[in-house]
Amino acid sequence: MFNQRVHNRQSVKLFSGLDYGFVAIYLALVAIGLVAVISATWRGDDVAIFSLSNEYMKHIIYIGMSLTIAFVILLCDSGLWHKYAYVFYVASLLLALSTMLPGIGLERNGARAWIGVGGFTLQPIEFAMVGLALGVARLMSDYSFSVEKPKSLMKATGWRKVTWIFSTPASAKRYEVHL
């Protein structure tokens, strides 16, 4: 009973284990990035400052989305990430592969590595990198994994190679699906 009360008290404190120095550095980098985007895209003759046609407004929306996602991640039980790490990895790879399908993938700068969502474009390989981090962390947390075993290291390296194949524009062009 005592352990249950202690566990409940700890789970209520959402920000108790947060590294505030890391959060401050993250927010500073986000602010610097926003200033850079505004200075690079600002046109003094803009009448509609809050128009989504302005690149800096899209960047502000990205910032809002990332902060919302970070908050949702904080709300989730850490066991969820461990339990579904492989599912996230496979789903993110399938999303990256979907860029090679006609009608889904968009070509930008000679590479079909983008997906259009409304007025935005996303690079699904960025999600695959997060999925890769989760998957390899789960793989390495298993009891049978050891950095001293060559077989374990080859397994972890193989995961990275699979993700890398789909992250390069040349390989994306090579594996493009034509229906």
Foldseek 3Di string as FASTA:
>chain_A
DVVVVVVVVVLVPLCPPPDVVVVVVVVVVLVVVLVVLCVVQPDPPDPCPCDPVGPSNVSVVVVVVVVVVVSVVSNDDPVVLLVCLQVQLVVLVVVQLVLLEPPAFDDDPQFRQWGDDPPDIDRSLVSNVVSLVSNLVSLCPDPVADPVDPVNVVVNVVSVVSSVLSPDRVSSVVPRDDD
